[in-house]
C-alpha atoms as a PDB file:
ATOM      1  CA  MET A   1       0.377  -0.079   0.035  1.00  0.00           C
ATOM      2  CA  PRO A   2       1.411   3.675  -1.125  1.00  0.00           C
ATOM      3  CA  LEU A   3       2.608   5.409   1.893  1.00  0.00           C
ATOM      4  CA  CYS A   4       1.152   8.455  -0.127  1.00  0.00           C
ATOM      5  CA  ALA A   5      -0.336   8.371  -3.693  1.00  0.00           C
ATOM      6  CA  GLN A   6      -0.160  11.939  -3.961  1.00  0.00           C
ATOM      7  CA  THR A   7       1.594  14.630  -2.055  1.00  0.00           C
ATOM      8  CA  ALA A   8       1.499  18.471  -2.554  1.00  0.00           C
ATOM      9  CA  ALA A   9       4.301  19.576  -4.518  1.00  0.00           C
ATOM     10  CA  GLN A  10       7.239  20.069  -2.679  1.00  0.00           C
ATOM     11  CA  PRO A  11       9.356  22.493  -4.932  1.00  0.00           C
ATOM     12  CA  SER A  12      13.128  22.760  -4.337  1.00  0.00           C
ATOM     13  CA  SER A  13      14.742  26.242  -4.690  1.00  0.00           C
ATOM     14  CA  SER A  14      15.798  27.400  -8.138  1.00  0.00           C
ATOM     15  CA  ASN A  15      19.141  28.443  -7.431  1.00  0.00           C
ATOM     16  CA  SER A  16      21.991  26.354  -9.243  1.00  0.00           C
ATOM     17  CA  SER A  17      23.888  24.221  -7.020  1.00  0.00           C
ATOM     18  CA  ILE A  18      27.857  22.641  -7.498  1.00  0.00           C
ATOM     19  CA  LEU A  19      27.702  18.969  -7.616  1.00  0.00           C
ATOM     20  CA  VAL A  20      30.676  17.020  -5.840  1.00  0.00           C
ATOM     21  CA  GLU A  21      30.845  13.351  -6.593  1.00  0.00           C
ATOM     22  CA  LEU A  22      32.762  10.873  -4.011  1.00  0.00           C
ATOM     23  CA  PHE A  23      33.522   7.783  -5.426  1.00  0.00           C
ATOM     24  CA  THR A  24      34.253   5.733  -2.197  1.00  0.00           C
ATOM     25  CA  SER A  25      34.111   2.190  -0.714  1.00  0.00           C
ATOM     26  CA  GLU A  26      33.117   0.473   2.604  1.00  0.00           C
ATOM     27  CA  GLY A  27      36.056  -1.830   1.782  1.00  0.00           C
ATOM     28  CA  CYS A  28      38.572   1.139   1.467  1.00  0.00           C
ATOM     29  CA  SER A  29      40.690   2.505   4.511  1.00  0.00           C
ATOM     30  CA  SER A  30      41.521   5.794   3.107  1.00  0.00           C
ATOM     31  CA  CYS A  31      37.897   6.553   2.272  1.00  0.00           C
ATOM     32  CA  PRO A  32      36.424   7.262   5.598  1.00  0.00           C
ATOM     33  CA  PRO A  33      38.190  11.057   5.801  1.00  0.00           C
ATOM     34  CA  ALA A  34      36.690  11.617   2.343  1.00  0.00           C
ATOM     35  CA  ASP A  35      33.052  10.878   3.705  1.00  0.00           C
ATOM     36  CA  GLU A  36      33.629  12.655   6.633  1.00  0.00           C
ATOM     37  CA  LEU A  37      35.107  15.711   4.655  1.00  0.00           C
ATOM     38  CA  LEU A  38      32.342  15.857   2.397  1.00  0.00           C
ATOM     39  CA  ALA A  39      29.522  15.536   5.127  1.00  0.00           C
ATOM     40  CA  LYS A  40      30.815  18.898   6.848  1.00  0.00           C
ATOM     41  CA  ILE A  41      30.185  20.292   3.433  1.00  0.00           C
ATOM     42  CA  ASP A  42      27.166  19.108   2.802  1.00  0.00           C
ATOM     43  CA  GLY A  43      24.117  21.826   1.726  1.00  0.00           C
ATOM     44  CA  ARG A  44      26.674  24.642   3.076  1.00  0.00           C
ATOM     45  CA  HIS A  45      26.705  27.673   0.513  1.00  0.00           C
ATOM     46  CA  MET A  46      29.581  29.327  -1.204  1.00  0.00           C
ATOM     47  CA  PRO A  47      29.863  33.082  -0.705  1.00  0.00           C
ATOM     48  CA  ASP A  48      27.971  33.920  -4.129  1.00  0.00           C
ATOM     49  CA  GLY A  49      25.035  31.695  -2.604  1.00  0.00           C
ATOM     50  CA  GLN A  50      25.658  29.009  -4.737  1.00  0.00           C
ATOM     51  CA  SER A  51      24.969  25.662  -2.432  1.00  0.00           C
ATOM     52  CA  ILE A  52      26.783  22.457  -2.408  1.00  0.00           C
ATOM     53  CA  THR A  53      25.141  19.216  -3.424  1.00  0.00           C
ATOM     54  CA  ILE A  54      27.264  16.098  -2.575  1.00  0.00           C
ATOM     55  CA  LEU A  55      26.632  12.465  -3.887  1.00  0.00           C
ATOM     56  CA  GLY A  56      28.555   9.206  -2.392  1.00  0.00           C
ATOM     57  CA  GLU A  57      28.838   6.745  -5.222  1.00  0.00           C
ATOM     58  CA  HIS A  58      30.102   3.620  -3.318  1.00  0.00           C
ATOM     59  CA  VAL A  59      32.290   1.043  -6.477  1.00  0.00           C
ATOM     60  CA  ASP A  60      32.266  -2.438  -6.607  1.00  0.00           C
ATOM     61  CA  TYR A  61      35.857  -3.110  -7.284  1.00  0.00           C
ATOM     62  CA  TRP A  62      36.830  -3.362  -3.385  1.00  0.00           C
ATOM     63  CA  ASP A  63      33.882  -6.169  -2.610  1.00  0.00           C
ATOM     64  CA  GLY A  64      36.330  -8.847  -3.368  1.00  0.00           C
ATOM     65  CA  GLN A  65      38.879  -7.847  -0.119  1.00  0.00           C
ATOM     66  CA  GLY A  66      36.953  -9.122   2.724  1.00  0.00           C
ATOM     67  CA  TRP A  67      33.739  -7.089   3.012  1.00  0.00           C
ATOM     68  CA  ARG A  68      30.770  -6.146   0.550  1.00  0.00           C
ATOM     69  CA  ASP A  69      29.733  -2.788   0.501  1.00  0.00           C
ATOM     70  CA  ARG A  70      25.774  -2.464   0.687  1.00  0.00           C
ATOM     71  CA  PHE A  71      25.693   0.312  -1.650  1.00  0.00           C
ATOM     72  CA  SER A  72      28.157  -1.042  -4.024  1.00  0.00           C
ATOM     73  CA  SER A  73      26.920  -1.118  -7.601  1.00  0.00           C
ATOM     74  CA  ARG A  74      28.592  -1.656 -11.013  1.00  0.00           C
ATOM     75  CA  VAL A  75      26.869   1.093 -12.179  1.00  0.00           C
ATOM     76  CA  PHE A  76      28.784   3.600 -10.083  1.00  0.00           C
ATOM     77  CA  THR A  77      31.995   1.639 -11.028  1.00  0.00           C
ATOM     78  CA  GLU A  78      31.154   2.170 -14.662  1.00  0.00           C
ATOM     79  CA  ARG A  79      30.634   5.934 -14.053  1.00  0.00           C
ATOM     80  CA  GLN A  80      33.949   6.577 -12.353  1.00  0.00           C
ATOM     81  CA  GLN A  81      35.429   4.207 -15.249  1.00  0.00           C
ATOM     82  CA  GLU A  82      34.106   6.761 -17.913  1.00  0.00           C
ATOM     83  CA  TYR A  83      35.523   9.807 -16.059  1.00  0.00           C
ATOM     84  CA  ALA A  84      39.194   7.826 -15.868  1.00  0.00           C
ATOM     85  CA  ARG A  85      38.637   7.490 -19.403  1.00  0.00           C
ATOM     86  CA  ARG A  86      37.862  11.040 -20.160  1.00  0.00           C
ATOM     87  CA  PHE A  87      40.284  12.744 -17.589  1.00  0.00           C
ATOM     88  CA  GLN A  88      42.930  10.263 -18.813  1.00  0.00           C
ATOM     89  CA  ILE A  89      43.594   8.748 -15.809  1.00  0.00           C
ATOM     90  CA  PRO A  90      45.288   5.208 -15.894  1.00  0.00           C
ATOM     91  CA  GLU A  91      42.494   3.464 -13.948  1.00  0.00           C
ATOM     92  CA  PRO A  92      39.898   4.296 -10.978  1.00  0.00           C
ATOM     93  CA  TYR A  93      41.140   4.683  -7.858  1.00  0.00           C
ATOM     94  CA  THR A  94      39.406   5.590  -4.206  1.00  0.00           C
ATOM     95  CA  PRO A  95      38.630   7.856  -2.758  1.00  0.00           C
ATOM     96  CA  GLU A  96      37.966  10.145  -5.663  1.00  0.00           C
ATOM     97  CA  VAL A  97      36.127  13.411  -5.614  1.00  0.00           C
ATOM     98  CA  ILE A  98      35.065  14.842  -9.188  1.00  0.00           C
ATOM     99  CA  VAL A  99      33.453  18.624  -8.825  1.00  0.00           C
ATOM    100  CA  ASP A 100      30.952  19.393 -11.090  1.00  0.00           C
ATOM    101  CA  GLY A 101      32.331  17.049 -13.808  1.00  0.00           C
ATOM    102  CA  ALA A 102      35.034  19.159 -14.249  1.00  0.00           C
ATOM    103  CA  GLN A 103      37.698  18.634 -11.801  1.00  0.00           C
ATOM    104  CA  GLN A 104      38.923  15.411 -10.061  1.00  0.00           C
ATOM    105  CA  PHE A 105      41.597  14.677  -7.127  1.00  0.00           C
ATOM    106  CA  VAL A 106      41.734  12.484  -3.920  1.00  0.00           C
ATOM    107  CA  GLY A 107      38.832  13.011  -1.908  1.00  0.00           C
ATOM    108  CA  ASN A 108      40.681  13.530   1.327  1.00  0.00           C
ATOM    109  CA  ASN A 109      42.398  16.593   0.732  1.00  0.00           C
ATOM    110  CA  PRO A 110      40.342  19.389   2.000  1.00  0.00           C
ATOM    111  CA  LYS A 111      42.563  22.150   0.187  1.00  0.00           C
ATOM    112  CA  ARG A 112      41.859  20.841  -3.188  1.00  0.00           C
ATOM    113  CA  LEU A 113      38.625  20.587  -2.627  1.00  0.00           C
ATOM    114  CA  GLN A 114      38.129  24.028  -1.160  1.00  0.00           C
ATOM    115  CA  ASP A 115      40.006  25.413  -4.675  1.00  0.00           C
ATOM    116  CA  ALA A 116      37.707  23.180  -6.913  1.00  0.00           C
ATOM    117  CA  LEU A 117      34.772  24.613  -5.523  1.00  0.00           C
ATOM    118  CA  THR A 118      36.016  28.180  -5.575  1.00  0.00           C
ATOM    119  CA  ARG A 119      36.915  27.529  -9.404  1.00  0.00           C
ATOM    120  CA  ALA A 120      33.226  25.994  -9.584  1.00  0.00           C
ATOM    121  CA  SER A 121      31.251  28.731  -8.425  1.00  0.00           C
ATOM    122  CA  ALA A 122      32.577  30.778 -11.163  1.00  0.00           C
ATOM    123  CA  GLN A 123      31.269  28.834 -13.878  1.00  0.00           C
ATOM    124  CA  PRO A 124      28.222  29.919 -15.495  1.00  0.00           C
ATOM    125  CA  LYS A 125      25.774  27.517 -14.763  1.00  0.00           C
ATOM    126  CA  THR A 126      21.673  26.764 -15.660  1.00  0.00           C
ATOM    127  CA  GLN A 127      19.287  27.143 -12.986  1.00  0.00           C
ATOM    128  CA  ILE A 128      16.900  23.703 -12.356  1.00  0.00           C
ATOM    129  CA  GLN A 129      13.809  23.809 -10.227  1.00  0.00           C
ATOM    130  CA  ILE A 130      12.249  20.029  -8.809  1.00  0.00           C
ATOM    131  CA  SER A 131       8.930  19.314  -7.840  1.00  0.00           C
ATOM    132  CA  ILE A 132       8.045  16.496  -6.006  1.00  0.00           C
ATOM    133  CA  VAL A 133       4.540  15.340  -6.785  1.00  0.00           C
ATOM    134  CA  GLY A 134       4.067  11.992  -5.867  1.00  0.00           C
ATOM    135  CA  ILE A 135       5.381   9.477  -3.571  1.00  0.00           C
ATOM    136  CA  SER A 136       4.799   5.460  -3.115  1.00  0.00           C
ATOM    137  CA  ASN A 137       6.684   2.715  -1.463  1.00  0.00           C
ATOM    138  CA  LYS A 138       7.967   2.133  -5.024  1.00  0.00           C
ATOM    139  CA  GLU A 139       8.291   4.934  -6.878  1.00  0.00           C
ATOM    140  CA  ILE A 140       8.730   8.774  -6.833  1.00  0.00           C
ATOM    141  CA  SER A 141       7.506  11.533  -9.375  1.00  0.00           C
ATOM    142  CA  PHE A 142       8.714  14.990 -10.013  1.00  0.00           C
ATOM    143  CA  HIS A 143       8.541  17.602 -12.305  1.00  0.00           C
ATOM    144  CA  VAL A 144      11.627  19.433 -13.761  1.00  0.00           C
ATOM    145  CA  HIS A 145      12.264  22.719 -15.151  1.00  0.00           C
ATOM    146  CA  VAL A 146      15.361  23.166 -16.601  1.00  0.00           C
ATOM    147  CA  ASP A 147      16.502  26.751 -17.574  1.00  0.00           C
ATOM    148  CA  PRO A 148      18.441  27.395 -21.204  1.00  0.00           C
ATOM    149  CA  LEU A 149      21.762  25.889 -21.004  1.00  0.00           C
ATOM    150  CA  PRO A 150      24.886  28.556 -20.859  1.00  0.00           C
ATOM    151  CA  SER A 151      26.436  29.503 -23.976  1.00  0.00           C
ATOM    152  CA  PRO A 152      27.945  27.946 -26.094  1.00  0.00           C
ATOM    153  CA  HIS A 153      26.174  24.605 -24.856  1.00  0.00           C
ATOM    154  CA  ARG A 154      23.377  23.411 -27.434  1.00  0.00           C
ATOM    155  CA  GLY A 155      22.342  19.922 -25.685  1.00  0.00           C
ATOM    156  CA  ALA A 156      23.173  18.042 -22.325  1.00  0.00           C
ATOM    157  CA  ASP A 157      22.147  14.899 -20.484  1.00  0.00           C
ATOM    158  CA  LEU A 158      19.595  15.365 -18.055  1.00  0.00           C
ATOM    159  CA  MET A 159      20.658  13.144 -15.078  1.00  0.00           C
ATOM    160  CA  ALA A 160      18.702  12.014 -11.656  1.00  0.00           C
ATOM    161  CA  ALA A 161      19.966  10.206  -8.610  1.00  0.00           C
ATOM    162  CA  LEU A 162      18.583   9.409  -5.430  1.00  0.00           C
ATOM    163  CA  ALA A 163      20.494   9.053  -2.875  1.00  0.00           C
ATOM    164  CA  GLU A 164      19.770   8.936   1.289  1.00  0.00           C
ATOM    165  CA  ASN A 165      21.065  11.825   3.072  1.00  0.00           C
ATOM    166  CA  SER A 166      23.242   9.708   5.472  1.00  0.00           C
ATOM    167  CA  ASP A 167      23.759   6.517   7.007  1.00  0.00           C
ATOM    168  CA  ASP A 168      26.133   4.172   9.401  1.00  0.00           C
ATOM    169  CA  THR A 169      27.639   1.011   8.809  1.00  0.00           C
ATOM    170  CA  GLN A 170      29.296  -1.463  11.356  1.00  0.00           C
ATOM    171  CA  VAL A 171      31.602  -3.143   9.171  1.00  0.00           C
ATOM    172  CA  ARG A 172      32.717  -6.585  10.394  1.00  0.00           C
ATOM    173  CA  GLY A 173      35.518  -7.272   7.514  1.00  0.00           C
ATOM    174  CA  GLY A 174      38.201  -5.798   5.174  1.00  0.00           C
ATOM    175  CA  GLU A 175      40.588  -3.006   5.681  1.00  0.00           C
ATOM    176  CA  ASN A 176      37.644  -1.198   8.109  1.00  0.00           C
ATOM    177  CA  LYS A 177      36.812  -4.442  10.148  1.00  0.00           C
ATOM    178  CA  GLY A 178      35.598  -3.184  13.438  1.00  0.00           C
ATOM    179  CA  ARG A 179      34.646   0.441  12.432  1.00  0.00           C
ATOM    180  CA  VAL A 180      31.270   2.259  12.251  1.00  0.00           C
ATOM    181  CA  LEU A 181      31.346   4.359   8.996  1.00  0.00           C
ATOM    182  CA  HIS A 182      29.201   7.458   8.345  1.00  0.00           C
ATOM    183  CA  HIS A 183      28.304   7.685   5.122  1.00  0.00           C
ATOM    184  CA  ALA A 184      27.610  11.262   3.377  1.00  0.00           C
ATOM    185  CA  ALA A 185      24.275  10.779   0.552  1.00  0.00           C
ATOM    186  CA  PRO A 186      25.200   7.320  -0.208  1.00  0.00           C
ATOM    187  CA  VAL A 187      23.215   6.916  -3.764  1.00  0.00           C
ATOM    188  CA  LEU A 188      21.032   4.341  -4.311  1.00  0.00           C
ATOM    189  CA  ALA A 189      19.947   4.879  -8.002  1.00  0.00           C
ATOM    190  CA  ILE A 190      21.306   7.065 -10.829  1.00  0.00           C
ATOM    191  CA  GLU A 191      19.656   7.590 -13.711  1.00  0.00           C
ATOM    192  CA  ARG A 192      19.760   9.259 -17.397  1.00  0.00           C
ATOM    193  CA  LEU A 193      16.177  10.748 -17.907  1.00  0.00           C
ATOM    194  CA  GLY A 194      17.040  12.337 -21.396  1.00  0.00           C
ATOM    195  CA  LYS A 195      18.348  15.195 -23.389  1.00  0.00           C
ATOM    196  CA  VAL A 196      18.263  18.711 -22.667  1.00  0.00           C
ATOM    197  CA  HIS A 197      18.333  21.147 -25.704  1.00  0.00           C
ATOM    198  CA  ALA A 198      19.836  24.612 -25.408  1.00  0.00           C
ATOM    199  CA  ALA A 199      16.407  26.011 -24.670  1.00  0.00           C
ATOM    200  CA  GLY A 200      16.038  24.111 -21.589  1.00  0.00           C
ATOM    201  CA  ALA A 201      13.254  21.540 -20.527  1.00  0.00           C
ATOM    202  CA  ASP A 202      10.154  21.673 -18.768  1.00  0.00           C
ATOM    203  CA  LYS A 203       8.957  17.732 -17.986  1.00  0.00           C
ATOM    204  CA  ASP A 204       7.713  15.232 -15.924  1.00  0.00           C
ATOM    205  CA  PHE A 205       9.243  12.025 -14.674  1.00  0.00           C
ATOM    206  CA  SER A 206       9.160   9.248 -12.300  1.00  0.00           C
ATOM    207  CA  MET A 207      12.129   6.630 -10.523  1.00  0.00           C
ATOM    208  CA  HIS A 208      11.708   3.472  -8.972  1.00  0.00           C
ATOM    209  CA  ILE A 209      12.698   3.729  -5.134  1.00  0.00           C
ATOM    210  CA  PRO A 210      15.615   0.841  -4.218  1.00  0.00           C
ATOM    211  CA  LYS A 211      14.432  -1.257  -1.424  1.00  0.00           C
ATOM    212  CA  MET A 212      16.939   0.596   0.878  1.00  0.00           C
ATOM    213  CA  GLY A 213      15.344   4.089   0.296  1.00  0.00           C
ATOM    214  CA  ILE A 214      13.742   5.202   3.628  1.00  0.00           C
ATOM    215  CA  ILE A 215      11.318   8.067   2.740  1.00  0.00           C
ATOM    216  CA  GLY A 216      12.406  11.153   5.051  1.00  0.00           C
ATOM    217  CA  ASN A 217      15.798   9.975   4.814  1.00  0.00           C
ATOM    218  CA  MET A 218      16.278  10.810   0.887  1.00  0.00           C
ATOM    219  CA  ARG A 219      16.957  13.561  -1.657  1.00  0.00           C
ATOM    220  CA  LEU A 220      16.334  13.890  -5.156  1.00  0.00           C
ATOM    221  CA  VAL A 221      19.575  14.835  -7.158  1.00  0.00           C
ATOM    222  CA  VAL A 222      19.069  16.289 -10.719  1.00  0.00           C
ATOM    223  CA  PHE A 223      21.552  17.906 -13.035  1.00  0.00           C
ATOM    224  CA  VAL A 224      22.411  18.472 -16.288  1.00  0.00           C
ATOM    225  CA  GLN A 225      25.944  17.359 -17.708  1.00  0.00           C
ATOM    226  CA  ALA A 226      27.350  18.049 -21.212  1.00  0.00           C
ATOM    227  CA  PRO A 227      27.609  15.014 -23.125  1.00  0.00           C
ATOM    228  CA  ASP A 228      30.360  12.007 -22.671  1.00  0.00           C
ATOM    229  CA  TYR A 229      30.307  12.879 -19.218  1.00  0.00           C
ATOM    230  CA  GLY A 230      31.265  16.224 -19.224  1.00  0.00           C
ATOM    231  CA  ILE A 231      31.256  19.097 -17.183  1.00  0.00           C
ATOM    232  CA  VAL A 232      27.961  19.474 -15.184  1.00  0.00           C
ATOM    233  CA  LEU A 233      25.948  22.860 -16.155  1.00  0.00           C
ATOM    234  CA  GLY A 234      23.665  22.885 -13.272  1.00  0.00           C
ATOM    235  CA  SER A 235      22.457  20.914 -10.222  1.00  0.00           C
ATOM    236  CA  ASN A 236      20.078  21.205  -7.614  1.00  0.00           C
ATOM    237  CA  SER A 237      18.166  18.613  -5.232  1.00  0.00           C
ATOM    238  CA  ALA A 238      15.020  18.057  -3.150  1.00  0.00           C
ATOM    239  CA  GLY A 239      14.106  16.190  -0.151  1.00  0.00           C
ATOM    240  CA  VAL A 240      11.764  13.170  -0.379  1.00  0.00           C
ATOM    241  CA  LYS A 241       9.751  13.643   2.312  1.00  0.00           C
ATOM    242  CA  SER A 242       6.406  11.890   3.275  1.00  0.00           C
ATOM    243  CA  SER A 243       2.685  13.515   2.732  1.00  0.00           C
ATOM    244  CA  GLY A 244       1.598  16.211   5.258  1.00  0.00           C
ATOM    245  CA  PRO A 245       2.828  19.758   6.687  1.00  0.00           C
ATOM    246  CA  GLN A 246       6.216  20.127   5.675  1.00  0.00           C
ATOM    247  CA  PRO A 247       9.074  22.070   8.094  1.00  0.00           C
END
């Protein structure tokens, strides 16, 4: 039975944000500091008012090293591999941070992260507005408005990710055996919704909610990315909440 067949629309802010992707794993002993670093910046604002949106994408190539990461997915590994190809990196590694699809570096380096955020905030971005219009146990329905793309971009991919806001794991094997790991925005699913042309977009979409998804502890992140895993031209997020009055 659905939690709520229909909700009052829950609009996001129309301001664009900086998207920070962390490729990580519960099996990697150098990854927890990167998770902690990203948790500190999640939702914060740059001096120009842009917010920071983070996504923790758990790769699966650590899963054979004594511990299987419950958030891991081949989808995230393949996404990182495509980034490695574009950045001409010999092979993927963890923890890796990618800021707005334009800069990559070791994810537990706070100075590099701050420098990357400063550079990203200076780039022109399209604004995105998200309105969540329906939630059930299995599906989320939402409307996306994308303003015209910044010049000279004539087209881009419209992407969406469902992520938990935060989660903890008691690790019982591998390099982090005996530790409780605190995860920042672990991604549950990521999809390409379609294409956006230069004039922008105004469309309705839906996504399946994975079994691990808990209403009230999830975010929907929508972003526009130049083709072939290029730069992120704009991003925004909205909380996934149940029906009823919202704070």
